[in-house]
Protein backbone atom coordinates (compact mmCIF):
# COMPACT_ATOMS: atom_id res chain seq x y z
CA UNK A 1 -9.95 -28.73 -12.82
CA UNK A 2 -8.54 -27.68 -16.25
CA UNK A 3 -6.03 -25.67 -18.04
CA UNK A 4 -5.46 -23.98 -21.06
CA UNK A 5 -2.42 -24.29 -23.04
CA UNK A 6 -0.42 -23.88 -26.28
CA UNK A 7 1.92 -26.63 -26.97
CA UNK A 8 3.11 -28.88 -23.87
CA UNK A 9 0.89 -31.64 -22.90
CA UNK A 10 -1.47 -29.62 -20.85
CA UNK A 11 -0.31 -30.20 -17.45
CA UNK A 12 -1.26 -27.30 -14.85
CA UNK A 13 2.28 -27.17 -13.81
CA UNK A 14 1.67 -24.21 -10.78
CA UNK A 15 -1.17 -26.52 -9.33
CA UNK A 16 1.33 -27.61 -6.57
CA UNK A 17 2.02 -24.30 -5.94
CA UNK A 18 -1.69 -23.37 -4.79
CA UNK A 19 -2.24 -22.82 -0.93
CA UNK A 20 -5.74 -21.94 0.68
CA UNK A 21 -3.65 -19.67 2.80
CA UNK A 22 0.07 -18.83 3.38
CA UNK A 23 1.61 -20.61 6.75
CA UNK A 24 0.89 -17.38 9.46
CA UNK A 25 1.76 -17.17 12.80
CA UNK A 26 0.53 -14.06 15.19
CA UNK A 27 0.86 -13.43 18.84
CA UNK A 28 -0.59 -10.24 20.85
CA UNK A 29 -0.36 -8.90 24.33
CA UNK A 30 -2.40 -6.08 26.02
CA UNK A 31 -2.18 -4.29 29.34
CA UNK A 32 -3.94 -1.47 31.10
CA UNK A 33 -3.55 -0.10 34.57
CA UNK A 34 -5.76 2.47 36.09
CA UNK A 35 -4.83 4.84 39.42
CA UNK A 36 -7.58 6.88 41.27
CA UNK A 37 -4.18 9.60 42.42
CA UNK A 38 -7.71 11.96 43.77
CA UNK A 39 -11.27 11.14 43.92
CA UNK A 40 -10.94 13.51 41.15
CA UNK A 41 -7.91 12.33 39.07
CA UNK A 42 -7.44 9.03 37.84
CA UNK A 43 -4.24 8.48 35.78
CA UNK A 44 -4.00 4.90 33.38
CA UNK A 45 -1.21 3.51 31.52
CA UNK A 46 -1.67 0.99 28.40
CA UNK A 47 1.05 -0.89 26.68
CA UNK A 48 0.01 -3.17 23.00
CA UNK A 49 2.53 -5.42 21.44
CA UNK A 50 1.86 -7.87 18.08
CA UNK A 51 3.75 -10.04 15.87
CA UNK A 52 2.43 -11.65 12.89
CA UNK A 53 5.11 -13.60 10.56
CA UNK A 54 3.65 -15.12 7.05
CA UNK A 55 5.69 -17.49 5.31
CA UNK A 56 3.98 -17.74 1.64
CA UNK A 57 5.28 -20.03 -1.45
CA UNK A 58 5.70 -17.46 -4.73
CA UNK A 59 4.79 -18.77 -7.81
CA UNK A 60 8.15 -18.26 -9.10
CA UNK A 61 9.38 -18.00 -13.03
CA UNK A 62 6.28 -17.05 -14.80
CA UNK A 63 7.70 -15.52 -18.20
CA UNK A 64 5.34 -14.71 -20.81
CA UNK A 65 4.07 -11.57 -22.88
CA UNK A 66 1.10 -10.56 -20.98
CA UNK A 67 -0.44 -6.63 -21.72
CA UNK A 68 2.51 -5.66 -23.33
CA UNK A 69 5.03 -6.82 -20.80
CA UNK A 70 7.24 -9.19 -22.30
CA UNK A 71 9.37 -11.53 -20.18
CA UNK A 72 9.72 -14.22 -22.65
CA UNK A 73 12.95 -15.85 -22.72
CA UNK A 74 14.69 -16.06 -25.27
CA UNK A 75 15.87 -19.94 -27.11
CA UNK A 76 18.78 -19.51 -29.57
CA UNK A 77 19.38 -22.19 -32.00
CA UNK A 78 22.59 -23.69 -30.39
CA UNK A 79 20.88 -24.12 -26.67
CA UNK A 80 22.77 -27.25 -25.66
CA UNK A 81 19.50 -28.63 -23.93
CA UNK A 82 17.31 -27.58 -27.28
CA UNK A 83 15.95 -31.20 -28.58
CA UNK A 84 17.48 -32.34 -31.78
CA UNK A 85 14.17 -32.39 -33.54
CA UNK A 86 12.98 -28.48 -32.61
CA UNK A 87 17.05 -27.83 -33.79
CA UNK A 88 16.39 -29.31 -37.04
CA UNK A 89 12.71 -27.21 -37.37
CA UNK A 90 15.18 -24.08 -36.71
CA UNK A 91 17.59 -25.34 -39.19
CA UNK A 92 15.23 -25.53 -41.76
CA UNK A 93 13.12 -22.51 -40.66
CA UNK A 94 16.27 -20.37 -40.50
CA UNK A 95 15.41 -19.52 -37.41
CA UNK A 96 18.25 -18.10 -34.99
CA UNK A 97 15.64 -18.05 -31.73
CA UNK A 98 12.44 -18.06 -30.67
CA UNK A 99 10.75 -16.96 -27.60
CA UNK A 100 9.71 -19.29 -24.80
CA UNK A 101 7.10 -18.98 -22.23
CA UNK A 102 7.63 -20.45 -18.85
CA UNK A 103 5.75 -21.39 -15.85
CA UNK A 104 7.89 -22.29 -12.57
CA UNK A 105 6.22 -25.30 -10.21
CA UNK A 106 7.74 -26.88 -6.91
CA UNK A 107 9.83 -29.48 -9.33
CA UNK A 108 11.78 -26.06 -10.84
CA UNK A 109 12.06 -22.69 -10.39
CA UNK A 110 9.44 -22.84 -7.90
CA UNK A 111 11.28 -25.03 -5.58
CA UNK A 112 12.35 -22.60 -3.02
CA UNK A 113 10.83 -19.09 -3.76
CA UNK A 114 9.12 -17.48 -1.12
CA UNK A 115 7.88 -14.38 0.33
CA UNK A 116 8.59 -13.80 4.15
CA UNK A 117 6.68 -11.09 6.03
CA UNK A 118 7.46 -10.64 9.89
CA UNK A 119 5.33 -7.16 11.52
CA UNK A 120 5.96 -6.22 15.04
CA UNK A 121 3.75 -3.63 16.19
CA UNK A 122 4.38 -1.70 19.88
CA UNK A 123 2.35 1.25 21.54
CA UNK A 124 2.25 2.60 25.14
CA UNK A 125 0.05 5.54 26.28
CA UNK A 126 -0.27 7.30 29.41
CA UNK A 127 -2.75 9.65 29.95
CA UNK A 128 -5.45 11.24 32.60
CA UNK A 129 -9.17 12.29 33.38
CA UNK A 130 -9.46 15.19 35.65
CA UNK A 131 -13.26 15.91 36.75
CA UNK A 132 -13.32 19.47 38.28
CA UNK A 133 -15.16 19.94 41.58
CA UNK A 134 -15.63 23.59 42.62
CA UNK A 135 -17.97 26.45 42.93
CA UNK A 136 -18.84 28.58 40.31
CA UNK A 137 -17.55 28.63 36.68
CA UNK A 138 -15.74 25.70 35.39
CA UNK A 139 -17.86 23.21 38.13
CA UNK A 140 -18.69 19.80 36.32
CA UNK A 141 -16.16 20.22 33.68
CA UNK A 142 -13.81 17.35 32.62
CA UNK A 143 -10.28 17.52 31.56
CA UNK A 144 -8.83 14.78 29.54
CA UNK A 145 -5.25 14.06 28.34
CA UNK A 146 -3.03 11.47 26.60
CA UNK A 147 0.42 10.55 25.40
CA UNK A 148 0.91 8.12 22.67
CA UNK A 149 3.89 6.48 20.99
CA UNK A 150 4.27 3.40 18.89
CA UNK A 151 6.43 1.82 16.93
CA UNK A 152 5.66 -0.71 13.63
CA UNK A 153 8.55 -2.68 12.33
CA UNK A 154 8.15 -5.06 9.23
CA UNK A 155 10.86 -7.30 8.26
CA UNK A 156 10.04 -8.62 4.69
CA UNK A 157 12.19 -11.07 2.74
CA UNK A 158 11.61 -12.12 -0.75
CA UNK A 159 13.59 -15.28 -2.85
CA UNK A 160 12.71 -15.34 -6.16
CA UNK A 161 13.82 -15.77 -9.79
CA UNK A 162 17.34 -13.30 -10.48
CA UNK A 163 16.41 -11.75 -13.89
CA UNK A 164 20.08 -11.41 -15.00
CA UNK A 165 21.24 -14.68 -13.68
CA UNK A 166 18.47 -16.12 -15.33
CA UNK A 167 19.38 -14.94 -18.80
CA UNK A 168 22.97 -15.86 -18.72
CA UNK A 169 21.79 -19.50 -17.32
CA UNK A 170 19.07 -20.46 -20.34
CA UNK A 171 21.89 -19.25 -22.84
CA UNK A 172 23.75 -22.98 -22.27
CA UNK A 173 26.09 -23.91 -24.74
CA UNK A 174 28.22 -26.67 -25.68
CA UNK A 175 32.03 -25.57 -24.17
CA UNK A 176 34.32 -24.24 -27.06
CA UNK A 177 37.17 -25.96 -24.85
CA UNK A 178 35.64 -29.14 -24.11
CA UNK A 179 32.41 -30.50 -25.93
CA UNK A 180 31.54 -32.61 -23.32
CA UNK A 181 30.94 -30.12 -21.45
CA UNK A 182 27.83 -27.70 -21.30
CA UNK A 183 28.61 -23.83 -19.98
CA UNK A 184 26.80 -20.44 -19.79
CA UNK A 185 27.69 -18.41 -22.87
CA UNK A 186 28.37 -15.37 -20.64
CA UNK A 187 31.09 -17.14 -18.81
CA UNK A 188 32.92 -17.34 -22.01
CA UNK A 189 32.47 -14.07 -22.48
CA UNK A 190 33.38 -12.28 -19.11
CA UNK A 191 34.19 -15.71 -16.69
CA UNK A 192 34.90 -13.27 -13.57
CA UNK A 193 31.50 -11.85 -13.36
CA UNK A 194 29.54 -14.93 -15.05
CA UNK A 195 32.30 -17.82 -13.81
CA UNK A 196 29.87 -19.15 -11.67
CA UNK A 197 26.90 -19.55 -13.65
CA UNK A 198 25.11 -22.99 -14.08
CA UNK A 199 23.35 -23.47 -17.21
CA UNK A 200 19.88 -24.39 -16.75
CA UNK A 201 17.97 -26.86 -18.54
CA UNK A 202 14.03 -25.81 -18.94
CA UNK A 203 12.72 -28.43 -21.13
CA UNK A 204 10.77 -30.36 -19.91
CA UNK A 205 9.43 -30.94 -16.11
CA UNK A 206 12.13 -31.89 -13.60
CA UNK A 207 14.88 -31.50 -15.99
CA UNK A 208 16.56 -28.24 -14.14
CA UNK A 209 19.29 -29.34 -12.23
CA UNK A 210 19.21 -28.58 -8.50
CA UNK A 211 22.41 -26.14 -8.57
CA UNK A 212 21.01 -24.48 -12.09
CA UNK A 213 17.84 -23.53 -9.62
CA UNK A 214 19.77 -22.67 -6.50
CA UNK A 215 21.94 -20.23 -9.09
CA UNK A 216 18.92 -18.64 -10.68
CA UNK A 217 16.94 -17.90 -7.87
CA UNK A 218 19.32 -17.33 -4.96
CA UNK A 219 22.08 -14.62 -4.63
CA UNK A 220 25.50 -15.78 -3.48
CA UNK A 221 25.52 -14.80 0.28
CA UNK A 222 28.23 -13.78 2.73
CA UNK A 223 29.00 -10.81 0.86
CA UNK A 224 29.87 -7.72 2.48
CA UNK A 225 28.48 -4.94 0.40
CA UNK A 226 28.79 -1.27 1.03
CA UNK A 227 26.67 1.56 -0.98
CA UNK A 228 25.25 5.12 -0.62
CA UNK A 229 21.46 4.91 -0.50
CA UNK A 230 18.98 6.37 -3.05
CA UNK A 231 15.97 7.09 -1.17
CA UNK A 232 12.34 8.29 -3.04
CA UNK A 233 11.83 10.64 -3.78
CA UNK A 234 14.91 12.80 -3.01
CA UNK A 235 17.76 10.44 -4.69
CA UNK A 236 21.31 10.39 -2.87
CA UNK A 237 20.69 14.11 -1.20
CA UNK A 238 20.45 12.60 2.53
CA UNK A 239 24.26 11.23 2.11
CA UNK A 240 23.20 7.86 3.86
CA UNK A 241 25.02 5.12 3.15
CA UNK A 242 24.44 1.38 4.14
CA UNK A 243 26.86 -1.51 4.57
CA UNK A 244 25.14 -5.26 5.05
CA UNK A 245 25.91 -8.94 4.18
CA UNK A 246 24.21 -10.47 1.50
CA UNK A 247 21.75 -13.41 2.00
CA UNK A 248 19.98 -15.56 -0.50
CA UNK A 249 16.90 -13.25 -0.80
CA UNK A 250 16.52 -9.79 -1.21
CA UNK A 251 15.56 -7.92 2.79
CA UNK A 252 13.58 -4.94 3.63
CA UNK A 253 13.03 -3.49 6.56
CA UNK A 254 10.51 -0.48 6.95
CA UNK A 255 9.98 1.23 10.40
CA UNK A 256 7.13 3.94 11.18
CA UNK A 257 6.64 5.53 13.97
CA UNK A 258 3.88 7.42 15.23
CA UNK A 259 3.60 9.94 18.13
CA UNK A 260 0.39 11.72 19.53
CA UNK A 261 -0.51 14.05 22.14
CA UNK A 262 -3.66 15.73 22.60
CA UNK A 263 -5.61 17.60 25.76
CA UNK A 264 -8.99 18.44 25.95
CA UNK A 265 -11.61 19.42 28.05
CA UNK A 266 -15.47 19.32 27.74
CA UNK A 267 -18.40 20.68 30.00
CA UNK A 268 -21.41 23.58 30.61
CA UNK A 269 -20.61 26.77 29.52
CA UNK A 270 -23.98 28.36 31.19
CA UNK A 271 -27.39 27.57 31.54
CA UNK A 272 -29.38 28.49 27.80
CA UNK A 273 -32.99 29.20 27.53
CA UNK A 274 -33.90 25.67 26.36
CA UNK A 275 -31.23 23.87 28.29
CA UNK A 276 -27.94 23.64 28.98
CA UNK A 277 -25.17 25.07 26.72
CA UNK A 278 -22.22 22.74 26.11
CA UNK A 279 -18.36 23.10 24.94
CA UNK A 280 -15.46 21.37 24.15
CA UNK A 281 -12.47 22.95 23.47
CA UNK A 282 -8.96 20.79 22.88
CA UNK A 283 -5.54 21.07 21.61
CA UNK A 284 -3.74 17.81 19.73
CA UNK A 285 -0.59 16.93 17.75
CA UNK A 286 0.89 14.40 15.37
CA UNK A 287 4.35 12.95 14.15
CA UNK A 288 4.69 10.01 11.82
CA UNK A 289 7.60 8.81 10.37
CA UNK A 290 8.65 6.50 7.59
CA UNK A 291 12.12 4.56 6.75
CA UNK A 292 12.48 1.56 4.70
CA UNK A 293 16.02 0.74 3.94
CA UNK A 294 15.97 -2.25 1.02
CA UNK A 295 19.10 -4.78 1.09
CA UNK A 296 19.52 -5.86 -2.23
CA UNK A 297 22.58 -7.26 -4.16
CA UNK A 298 21.93 -6.49 -7.51
CA UNK A 299 21.27 -2.92 -6.59
CA UNK A 300 22.52 -2.00 -3.22
CA UNK A 301 21.76 1.49 -3.85
CA UNK A 302 17.66 0.89 -5.08
CA UNK A 303 18.72 3.69 -7.47
CA UNK A 304 15.94 3.36 -10.07
CA UNK A 305 17.81 4.95 -12.71
CA UNK A 306 20.19 1.75 -12.74
CA UNK A 307 18.97 -1.26 -14.53
CA UNK A 308 21.37 -4.39 -14.29
CA UNK A 309 20.80 -6.72 -17.24
CA UNK A 310 20.92 -3.50 -19.39
CA UNK A 311 24.40 -3.01 -21.63
CA UNK A 312 26.28 -6.44 -20.47
CA UNK A 313 27.75 -7.43 -23.66
CA UNK A 314 27.82 -11.02 -21.78
CA UNK A 315 23.87 -11.22 -21.95
CA UNK A 316 21.64 -11.61 -25.34
CA UNK A 317 18.00 -11.70 -25.62
CA UNK A 318 17.11 -9.91 -22.63
CA UNK A 319 13.48 -9.12 -22.63
CA UNK A 320 12.33 -5.52 -22.48
CA UNK A 321 10.97 -6.10 -18.71
CA UNK A 322 14.13 -7.28 -17.68
CA UNK A 323 16.02 -4.67 -19.43
CA UNK A 324 14.03 -1.75 -17.33
CA UNK A 325 14.32 -3.13 -14.16
CA UNK A 326 16.03 -1.85 -11.32
CA UNK A 327 15.85 -4.77 -8.90
CA UNK A 328 16.86 -8.18 -10.30
CA UNK A 329 14.53 -9.94 -8.02
CA UNK A 330 11.42 -10.84 -10.17
CA UNK A 331 8.11 -9.19 -9.13
CA UNK A 332 10.17 -6.92 -6.76
CA UNK A 333 9.71 -3.41 -6.80
CA UNK A 334 10.40 -2.07 -3.06
CA UNK A 335 12.01 1.08 -2.83
CA UNK A 336 14.42 3.04 -0.15
CA UNK A 337 12.49 5.80 1.47
CA UNK A 338 12.11 7.77 4.15
CA UNK A 339 10.03 10.61 5.13
CA UNK A 340 8.29 12.65 8.24
CA UNK A 341 5.42 14.94 8.68
CA UNK A 342 3.34 16.56 11.49
CA UNK A 343 -0.02 17.80 12.27
CA UNK A 344 -0.95 20.30 14.78
CA UNK A 345 -4.99 21.25 15.37
CA UNK A 346 -7.02 22.80 17.71
CA UNK A 347 -10.74 22.50 17.92
CA UNK A 348 -14.09 23.26 19.62
CA UNK A 349 -17.59 21.61 19.32
CA UNK A 350 -20.52 23.10 21.08
CA UNK A 351 -24.07 21.90 22.02
CA UNK A 352 -26.58 24.59 22.00
CA UNK A 353 -30.68 23.66 23.13
CA UNK A 354 -32.62 25.98 20.88
CA UNK A 355 -36.65 25.14 21.55
CA UNK A 356 -38.13 22.37 23.88
CA UNK A 357 -41.30 21.12 25.15
CA UNK A 358 -43.16 22.47 22.08
CA UNK A 359 -46.02 21.21 19.98
CA UNK A 360 -44.21 18.97 17.26
CA UNK A 361 -40.76 19.86 19.19
CA UNK A 362 -40.17 17.72 21.90
CA UNK A 363 -36.22 19.39 22.14
CA UNK A 364 -34.30 21.25 19.01
CA UNK A 365 -30.42 20.99 19.35
CA UNK A 366 -28.08 22.69 17.25
CA UNK A 367 -24.45 21.24 17.08
CA UNK A 368 -21.55 22.66 16.20
CA UNK A 369 -18.07 22.06 15.86
CA UNK A 370 -15.10 23.65 14.63
CA UNK A 371 -10.71 22.33 13.52
CA UNK A 372 -8.13 23.88 12.28
CA UNK A 373 -5.16 21.80 11.28
CA UNK A 374 -1.80 22.74 9.94
CA UNK A 375 0.32 20.15 8.36
CA UNK A 376 3.75 19.94 7.43
CA UNK A 377 4.22 21.04 4.04
CA UNK A 378 0.59 21.52 3.23
CA UNK A 379 -0.08 24.28 5.16
CA UNK A 380 -3.04 25.30 7.37
CA UNK A 381 -6.66 23.74 6.47
CA UNK A 382 -10.18 24.22 8.16
CA UNK A 383 -13.00 21.27 8.60
CA UNK A 384 -16.65 22.10 10.09
CA UNK A 385 -19.99 20.72 10.84
CA UNK A 386 -23.16 21.87 12.14
CA UNK A 387 -26.29 20.21 12.23
CA UNK A 388 -29.22 20.06 13.94
CA UNK A 389 -30.90 17.27 16.33
CA UNK A 390 -34.91 17.67 16.52
CA UNK A 391 -36.89 15.23 18.61
CA UNK A 392 -40.28 15.67 16.80
CA UNK A 393 -42.07 13.50 19.64
CA UNK A 394 -40.45 11.25 21.84
CA UNK A 395 -40.41 8.53 19.29
CA UNK A 396 -39.53 10.28 16.64
CA UNK A 397 -36.18 12.47 16.04
CA UNK A 398 -35.13 13.94 12.70
CA UNK A 399 -31.34 15.30 12.42
CA UNK A 400 -29.45 16.84 9.54
CA UNK A 401 -25.63 18.04 9.61
CA UNK A 402 -23.12 19.95 6.97
CA UNK A 403 -19.76 19.62 7.07
CA UNK A 404 -16.14 20.22 5.47
CA UNK A 405 -14.10 17.23 6.02
CA UNK A 406 -10.27 16.78 5.61
CA UNK A 407 -7.52 13.95 5.05
CA UNK A 408 -4.57 14.54 4.77
CA UNK A 409 -2.24 12.04 2.55
CA UNK A 410 -0.87 9.20 4.79
CA UNK A 411 3.15 8.44 4.98
CA UNK A 412 2.83 5.84 2.16
CA UNK A 413 1.10 8.51 -0.94
CA UNK A 414 3.72 11.34 0.31
CA UNK A 415 6.86 9.31 0.24
CA UNK A 416 5.90 5.54 -1.34
CA UNK A 417 7.57 5.12 -5.05
CA UNK A 418 7.90 1.78 -6.76
CA UNK A 419 9.56 1.15 -9.95
CA UNK A 420 8.72 -1.21 -12.49
CA UNK A 421 7.50 -1.12 -16.06
CA UNK A 422 5.15 0.90 -17.58
CA UNK A 423 3.06 1.05 -20.92
CA UNK A 424 0.83 3.38 -23.14
CA UNK A 425 -1.19 1.74 -26.03
CA UNK A 426 -0.12 4.90 -28.34
CA UNK A 427 2.58 7.11 -27.76
CA UNK A 428 1.16 10.50 -30.26
CA UNK A 429 4.78 11.17 -30.60
CA UNK A 430 4.92 8.32 -33.02
CA UNK A 431 1.33 7.03 -33.58
CA UNK A 432 1.99 4.35 -35.69
CA UNK A 433 4.09 2.36 -33.81
CA UNK A 434 1.35 0.80 -30.87
CA UNK A 435 2.32 -0.17 -27.33
CA UNK A 436 5.37 1.34 -25.98
CA UNK A 437 6.95 0.25 -23.01
CA UNK A 438 8.87 2.27 -20.69
CA UNK A 439 11.02 2.64 -16.97
CA UNK A 440 7.82 3.71 -14.85
CA UNK A 441 7.60 5.32 -10.86
CA UNK A 442 4.43 4.84 -9.55
CA UNK A 443 3.62 6.57 -6.03
CA UNK A 444 4.10 8.82 -3.26
CA UNK A 445 4.13 12.78 -3.60
CA UNK A 446 5.43 14.56 -0.67
CA UNK A 447 4.31 17.95 -1.59
CA UNK A 448 0.11 16.54 -2.13
CA UNK A 449 -2.13 18.82 -0.59
CA UNK A 450 -5.11 17.57 2.13
CA UNK A 451 -8.13 16.41 0.43
CA UNK A 452 -11.79 18.44 1.37
CA UNK A 453 -15.04 17.31 1.07
CA UNK A 454 -18.65 19.02 1.56
CA UNK A 455 -20.92 16.46 3.06
CA UNK A 456 -24.74 16.52 3.78
CA UNK A 457 -26.79 14.05 5.52
CA UNK A 458 -30.29 14.08 6.52
CA UNK A 459 -32.18 11.22 8.02
CA UNK A 460 -34.88 10.05 10.86
CA UNK A 461 -34.61 7.95 14.12
CA UNK A 462 -37.54 6.16 14.87
CA UNK A 463 -37.82 4.58 18.53
CA UNK A 464 -41.46 3.47 19.16
CA UNK A 465 -42.90 3.25 22.78
CA UNK A 466 -45.20 0.78 21.73
CA UNK A 467 -42.56 -1.88 20.63
CA UNK A 468 -40.03 -1.54 23.45
CA UNK A 469 -36.35 -2.48 22.08
CA UNK A 470 -37.07 -1.37 18.55
CA UNK A 471 -35.03 1.59 16.56
CA UNK A 472 -35.11 2.54 13.07
CA UNK A 473 -33.34 5.20 10.63
CA UNK A 474 -32.75 6.17 7.48
CA UNK A 475 -30.12 8.64 6.42
CA UNK A 476 -29.93 10.19 3.08
CA UNK A 477 -25.83 11.28 2.36
CA UNK A 478 -24.22 13.27 -0.29
CA UNK A 479 -20.27 13.41 -0.31
CA UNK A 480 -18.62 16.22 -2.80
CA UNK A 481 -14.56 15.67 -2.68
CA UNK A 482 -12.47 18.51 -3.93
CA UNK A 483 -8.82 17.45 -4.75
CA UNK A 484 -9.01 13.98 -4.10
CA UNK A 485 -5.45 11.69 -4.22
CA UNK A 486 -5.46 9.96 -6.91
CA UNK A 487 -2.59 9.19 -10.36
CA UNK A 488 -3.48 10.60 -13.86
CA UNK A 489 -2.38 7.31 -15.55
CA UNK A 490 0.50 6.79 -18.27
CA UNK A 491 -1.64 7.20 -21.03
CA UNK A 492 -3.24 10.28 -19.51
CA UNK A 493 -0.07 11.92 -19.07
CA UNK A 494 1.62 11.42 -22.39
CA UNK A 495 -1.18 12.50 -24.21
CA UNK A 496 -1.92 15.60 -21.85
CA UNK A 497 1.89 16.42 -22.59
CA UNK A 498 1.55 16.52 -25.92
CA UNK A 499 -1.35 18.10 -26.24
CA UNK A 500 -0.01 20.69 -24.61
CA UNK A 501 3.28 21.28 -26.79
CA UNK A 502 5.01 20.17 -23.81
CA UNK A 503 4.05 23.12 -21.74
CA UNK A 504 1.28 21.24 -19.39
CA UNK A 505 3.01 20.31 -15.63
CA UNK A 506 2.76 16.91 -16.74
CA UNK A 507 5.74 17.03 -18.98
CA UNK A 508 7.66 17.06 -15.79
CA UNK A 509 6.41 13.74 -15.10
CA UNK A 510 8.24 12.44 -18.22
CA UNK A 511 11.55 11.90 -19.62
CA UNK A 512 12.60 11.14 -23.56
CA UNK A 513 15.43 9.42 -25.22
CA UNK A 514 17.67 12.26 -25.85
CA UNK A 515 18.66 10.53 -29.08
CA UNK A 516 15.55 8.76 -30.22
CA UNK A 517 12.57 10.84 -28.24
CA UNK A 518 11.51 7.54 -27.36
CA UNK A 519 9.87 7.14 -23.99
CA UNK A 520 12.38 6.69 -21.35
CA UNK A 521 10.47 7.12 -18.03
CA UNK A 522 7.14 8.25 -17.15
CA UNK A 523 6.37 8.64 -13.53
CA UNK A 524 2.73 8.23 -12.60
CA UNK A 525 2.80 9.43 -9.04
CA UNK A 526 0.01 10.61 -6.73
CA UNK A 527 -1.50 14.41 -6.92
CA UNK A 528 -4.32 16.12 -6.01
CA UNK A 529 -5.83 15.70 -9.58
CA UNK A 530 -9.31 14.35 -9.03
CA UNK A 531 -12.92 15.33 -7.99
CA UNK A 532 -15.62 12.74 -7.24
CA UNK A 533 -19.26 12.46 -5.74
CA UNK A 534 -21.31 10.17 -4.30
CA UNK A 535 -24.53 9.85 -2.90
CA UNK A 536 -26.96 7.52 -1.17
CA UNK A 537 -29.24 6.30 1.52
CA UNK A 538 -28.47 3.43 4.42
CA UNK A 539 -31.17 2.01 6.38
CA UNK A 540 -30.37 0.45 9.67
CA UNK A 541 -33.21 -1.53 11.70
CA UNK A 542 -32.65 -2.72 15.43
CA UNK A 543 -34.24 -4.93 18.14
CA UNK A 544 -33.06 -5.99 21.30
CA UNK A 545 -34.86 -8.13 23.81
CA UNK A 546 -34.24 -8.70 27.71
CA UNK A 547 -34.57 -12.75 28.21
CA UNK A 548 -33.51 -15.06 31.41
CA UNK A 549 -31.29 -17.87 29.86
CA UNK A 550 -28.58 -18.06 33.21
CA UNK A 551 -29.39 -18.46 36.64
CA UNK A 552 -28.92 -14.82 37.59
CA UNK A 553 -30.71 -13.33 34.47
CA UNK A 554 -30.15 -10.12 32.77
CA UNK A 555 -29.01 -11.47 29.14
CA UNK A 556 -30.44 -10.23 26.01
CA UNK A 557 -30.83 -10.81 22.54
CA UNK A 558 -30.39 -8.34 19.62
CA UNK A 559 -30.44 -8.33 15.91
CA UNK A 560 -29.51 -5.56 13.34
CA UNK A 561 -30.08 -4.89 9.84
CA UNK A 562 -27.95 -2.34 7.43
CA UNK A 563 -28.99 -1.68 3.85
CA UNK A 564 -26.77 0.77 2.41
CA UNK A 565 -27.44 2.09 -1.16
CA UNK A 566 -25.90 4.18 -3.39
CA UNK A 567 -27.98 6.45 -5.61
């Protein structure tokens, strides 16, 4: 191994944090029961349950200046743990403070920090299959229907460095009233809030006391906290409140639920000139719900406009990153989120034989489909597909389709916003000032429209009679996407607003300080902004050969080769 060092003895302090994989536990259960109510009617029920749990140590306490995000710890000349030789250098150079990079390890800040996730999933389905047997019309048709409900509960736990507490604990001074004691400077200014602060010695590996590590990595447990809830993206409008008892870490619960129902029927419509004309019709309904609540003692409401480490006169040297954080748990930007949407659909599919048993046309079929979907919050949208299936001879088939496809935004893309620190390399309002940092919001937008795309595919399938078991296919495809869901990026948002003189729609995503006009917050949320395209060729070769390996025989060996290639 190797390390890159700027001062110090060059040890890799994170080496004992490395793990090949987090500790994981999984359990699954599945049950399926079917019942023939009549010779033509089959009923079924299905149940699925699963749980996965992951416990992963966290690389706690990384404090540095990386990509314009400054988290370094400020050490003042009067720090009680500062080596005498270093203090003398500061005196000689007239330095009041310096900024220090810190990386936690298992003997220090990373001793107890960890992330735990416990995911539980439940799903139940009931449905039927009815084969219609009657004289005349609809004879041979099949009707299928199902109703499905599923839930997923994810409980997360994160125990990490508390940014306001480490700012207080590293500002350690000699007690003005008792020179034999070391205390937190913050405790001498506001003993009510910081009286329990434990001074933290970060000079030298293993020198931090267990009590100090506990103080900066564990919230005070057992507190009963009641707070209104700030939800993304509608703020306090829900009127919901939460009461919880604090634990040593930050806890969040994410509950998602999905309800689905579909009814479809398929069969022969009538005899065509080149074969049976078949069709399918159906309707479906889907509803998805998301509710995520965070139990964070440092910001119980999870309000992104609250910065716990800002404006406290007892704290000094607070990094810009910490000052613009709405949660004091390092590397944690999980918000409260709730939202729901549903979609209602109707669809049809047709297969129409056009020609058969002609020279160079063993069979030619027209395939067509259409679907109308009405999305809550986005309105209705059509998707469709049509194509030809042409058996030139029994060994060779040509195929081609053109389709308009639709993808709706997921619950996460609609509602899940996260906060943190953003940066731009240049604010055109202050062109000479270089990199600018600010509070940021990224992610969900409940007003997203579905993505639409036009897809073209053309190809051939070859299954030679002279080589039984072999098949090969080559397909060319091209996709053009309109209204693709994506984000502009902080720099693009700031530049576009400035260049428009404040008239562009993206200006609503920017908040500037009323006094200084500096960037205060930029919201880099998902939007229907992008157009993209792609094309390529997919090649697939397969071979299956019957063998007799065991007593009763009937086994087979198969091999498949895929080669996708982007053009």
